[in-house]
Amino acid sequence: MLKNKVEKLRKFEVEYSISKNKAIVNKTLIIESINDADKIMKLAKLDISTKERIFIQDVKILRFRAI
């Protein structure tokens, strides 16, 4: 039987850019995720789209770094 490996969550600072009201807005966000680039991007886009009330496709992740 395989055991599920529990990975430690880390905090990441995510810089993103969105187009809101015909203006480009650059902001930062702090999320907790495992150290996997795909999961960080997915969680950040979902969180940003919910927070900013825009479509996920309108979010551009500029970069992220561990803090």
N, C-alpha and C. Protein backbone atom coordinates (compact mmCIF):
# COMPACT_ATOMS: atom_id res chain seq x y z
N MET A 1 0.84 -1.18 0.00
CA MET A 1 0.00 0.00 0.00
C MET A 1 0.89 1.24 0.00
N LEU A 2 0.55 2.20 -0.85
CA LEU A 2 1.32 3.43 -0.94
C LEU A 2 0.82 4.46 0.06
N LYS A 3 1.74 5.17 0.63
CA LYS A 3 1.38 6.23 1.56
C LYS A 3 1.42 7.56 0.83
N ASN A 4 0.46 8.42 1.15
CA ASN A 4 0.48 9.76 0.57
C ASN A 4 1.56 10.58 1.27
N LYS A 5 2.41 11.17 0.48
CA LYS A 5 3.50 11.97 1.02
C LYS A 5 2.98 13.38 1.33
N VAL A 6 3.13 13.79 2.56
CA VAL A 6 2.68 15.12 2.96
C VAL A 6 3.85 16.07 2.75
N GLU A 7 3.62 17.09 1.93
CA GLU A 7 4.67 18.06 1.66
C GLU A 7 4.44 19.32 2.47
N LYS A 8 5.52 19.93 2.89
CA LYS A 8 5.45 21.11 3.71
C LYS A 8 5.06 22.33 2.87
N LEU A 9 4.13 23.12 3.38
CA LEU A 9 3.72 24.34 2.69
C LEU A 9 4.72 25.45 2.97
N ARG A 10 4.97 26.25 1.93
CA ARG A 10 5.86 27.40 2.06
C ARG A 10 5.11 28.64 1.61
N LYS A 11 5.54 29.79 2.06
CA LYS A 11 4.93 31.05 1.64
C LYS A 11 5.68 31.60 0.43
N PHE A 12 4.92 32.09 -0.53
CA PHE A 12 5.49 32.67 -1.73
C PHE A 12 4.89 34.05 -1.97
N GLU A 13 5.72 34.96 -2.41
CA GLU A 13 5.26 36.28 -2.82
C GLU A 13 5.13 36.25 -4.34
N VAL A 14 3.93 36.52 -4.83
CA VAL A 14 3.64 36.44 -6.26
C VAL A 14 3.38 37.84 -6.79
N GLU A 15 4.14 38.23 -7.80
CA GLU A 15 3.90 39.51 -8.48
C GLU A 15 3.08 39.22 -9.72
N TYR A 16 2.02 40.00 -9.90
CA TYR A 16 1.15 39.77 -11.04
C TYR A 16 0.71 41.08 -11.68
N SER A 17 0.20 40.95 -12.91
CA SER A 17 -0.27 42.08 -13.68
C SER A 17 -1.65 41.75 -14.22
N ILE A 18 -2.57 42.71 -14.12
CA ILE A 18 -3.91 42.52 -14.66
C ILE A 18 -4.32 43.76 -15.42
N SER A 19 -5.27 43.58 -16.32
CA SER A 19 -5.85 44.71 -17.04
C SER A 19 -7.23 44.96 -16.44
N LYS A 20 -7.37 46.08 -15.76
CA LYS A 20 -8.63 46.38 -15.08
C LYS A 20 -9.05 47.80 -15.42
N ASN A 21 -10.24 47.95 -15.92
CA ASN A 21 -10.77 49.26 -16.34
C ASN A 21 -9.85 49.93 -17.34
N LYS A 22 -9.37 49.16 -18.31
CA LYS A 22 -8.52 49.63 -19.40
C LYS A 22 -7.18 50.20 -18.92
N ALA A 23 -6.74 49.76 -17.74
CA ALA A 23 -5.44 50.15 -17.21
C ALA A 23 -4.74 48.91 -16.70
N ILE A 24 -3.43 48.87 -16.88
CA ILE A 24 -2.64 47.73 -16.40
C ILE A 24 -2.24 48.01 -14.95
N VAL A 25 -2.52 47.05 -14.10
CA VAL A 25 -2.25 47.18 -12.67
C VAL A 25 -1.28 46.08 -12.26
N ASN A 26 -0.20 46.46 -11.59
CA ASN A 26 0.77 45.50 -11.05
C ASN A 26 0.62 45.45 -9.54
N LYS A 27 0.49 44.25 -8.99
CA LYS A 27 0.33 44.08 -7.55
C LYS A 27 1.09 42.85 -7.09
N THR A 28 1.11 42.63 -5.77
CA THR A 28 1.71 41.43 -5.20
C THR A 28 0.70 40.74 -4.30
N LEU A 29 0.94 39.47 -4.09
CA LEU A 29 0.06 38.63 -3.30
C LEU A 29 0.92 37.59 -2.59
N ILE A 30 0.54 37.21 -1.39
CA ILE A 30 1.27 36.17 -0.66
C ILE A 30 0.35 34.95 -0.55
N ILE A 31 0.86 33.78 -0.99
CA ILE A 31 0.09 32.54 -0.91
C ILE A 31 0.94 31.46 -0.26
N GLU A 32 0.27 30.42 0.21
CA GLU A 32 0.96 29.24 0.73
C GLU A 32 0.75 28.10 -0.25
N SER A 33 1.83 27.43 -0.61
CA SER A 33 1.76 26.32 -1.56
C SER A 33 2.96 25.42 -1.35
N ILE A 34 2.90 24.26 -1.99
CA ILE A 34 4.07 23.40 -2.01
C ILE A 34 5.05 23.98 -3.03
N ASN A 35 6.27 23.54 -3.00
CA ASN A 35 7.31 24.09 -3.87
C ASN A 35 7.23 23.44 -5.26
N ASP A 36 6.18 23.77 -6.01
CA ASP A 36 5.97 23.27 -7.37
C ASP A 36 5.46 24.44 -8.21
N ALA A 37 6.19 24.82 -9.23
CA ALA A 37 5.88 26.01 -10.02
C ALA A 37 4.47 25.96 -10.61
N ASP A 38 4.06 24.81 -11.12
CA ASP A 38 2.73 24.70 -11.72
C ASP A 38 1.62 24.93 -10.70
N LYS A 39 1.79 24.36 -9.53
CA LYS A 39 0.76 24.52 -8.49
C LYS A 39 0.73 25.95 -7.97
N ILE A 40 1.89 26.58 -7.85
CA ILE A 40 1.95 27.98 -7.41
C ILE A 40 1.20 28.87 -8.40
N MET A 41 1.47 28.68 -9.69
CA MET A 41 0.82 29.49 -10.73
C MET A 41 -0.70 29.27 -10.72
N LYS A 42 -1.11 28.01 -10.61
CA LYS A 42 -2.54 27.69 -10.63
C LYS A 42 -3.26 28.31 -9.43
N LEU A 43 -2.70 28.13 -8.24
CA LEU A 43 -3.31 28.68 -7.04
C LEU A 43 -3.33 30.21 -7.06
N ALA A 44 -2.24 30.81 -7.53
CA ALA A 44 -2.17 32.27 -7.58
C ALA A 44 -3.20 32.83 -8.55
N LYS A 45 -3.32 32.25 -9.74
CA LYS A 45 -4.29 32.74 -10.72
C LYS A 45 -5.72 32.61 -10.19
N LEU A 46 -6.01 31.50 -9.54
CA LEU A 46 -7.34 31.29 -8.97
C LEU A 46 -7.63 32.32 -7.88
N ASP A 47 -6.68 32.53 -7.00
CA ASP A 47 -6.84 33.48 -5.90
C ASP A 47 -6.98 34.91 -6.43
N ILE A 48 -6.17 35.28 -7.39
CA ILE A 48 -6.20 36.64 -7.95
C ILE A 48 -7.51 36.89 -8.68
N SER A 49 -7.97 35.93 -9.49
CA SER A 49 -9.21 36.12 -10.23
C SER A 49 -10.40 36.27 -9.29
N THR A 50 -10.38 35.54 -8.17
CA THR A 50 -11.45 35.67 -7.18
C THR A 50 -11.38 37.02 -6.48
N LYS A 51 -10.18 37.41 -6.09
CA LYS A 51 -9.99 38.67 -5.36
C LYS A 51 -10.31 39.88 -6.23
N GLU A 52 -9.83 39.89 -7.47
CA GLU A 52 -9.98 41.04 -8.35
C GLU A 52 -11.27 41.00 -9.18
N ARG A 53 -11.98 39.87 -9.11
CA ARG A 53 -13.23 39.67 -9.86
C ARG A 53 -13.03 39.82 -11.37
N ILE A 54 -12.03 39.10 -11.88
CA ILE A 54 -11.76 39.07 -13.31
C ILE A 54 -11.58 37.62 -13.75
N PHE A 55 -11.51 37.40 -15.05
CA PHE A 55 -11.31 36.06 -15.58
C PHE A 55 -9.87 35.62 -15.36
N ILE A 56 -9.68 34.32 -15.17
CA ILE A 56 -8.35 33.76 -14.95
C ILE A 56 -7.43 34.08 -16.13
N GLN A 57 -7.98 34.10 -17.35
CA GLN A 57 -7.17 34.35 -18.54
C GLN A 57 -6.57 35.75 -18.56
N ASP A 58 -7.16 36.67 -17.79
CA ASP A 58 -6.67 38.05 -17.77
C ASP A 58 -5.53 38.28 -16.78
N VAL A 59 -5.14 37.25 -16.04
CA VAL A 59 -4.09 37.36 -15.03
C VAL A 59 -2.76 36.93 -15.64
N LYS A 60 -1.73 37.76 -15.46
CA LYS A 60 -0.40 37.41 -15.93
C LYS A 60 0.54 37.38 -14.71
N ILE A 61 1.10 36.22 -14.42
CA ILE A 61 2.04 36.07 -13.31
C ILE A 61 3.40 36.55 -13.80
N LEU A 62 3.94 37.56 -13.15
CA LEU A 62 5.23 38.09 -13.56
C LEU A 62 6.38 37.27 -12.97
N ARG A 63 6.31 37.01 -11.66
CA ARG A 63 7.31 36.15 -11.01
C ARG A 63 6.85 35.82 -9.60
N PHE A 64 7.48 34.86 -9.02
CA PHE A 64 7.21 34.51 -7.62
C PHE A 64 8.52 34.12 -6.96
N ARG A 65 8.54 34.31 -5.64
CA ARG A 65 9.73 33.94 -4.87
C ARG A 65 9.32 33.50 -3.48
N ALA A 66 10.08 32.63 -2.91
CA ALA A 66 9.83 32.13 -1.57
C ALA A 66 10.19 33.20 -0.55
N ILE A 67 9.39 33.29 0.50
CA ILE A 67 9.72 34.22 1.59
C ILE A 67 9.76 33.49 2.90
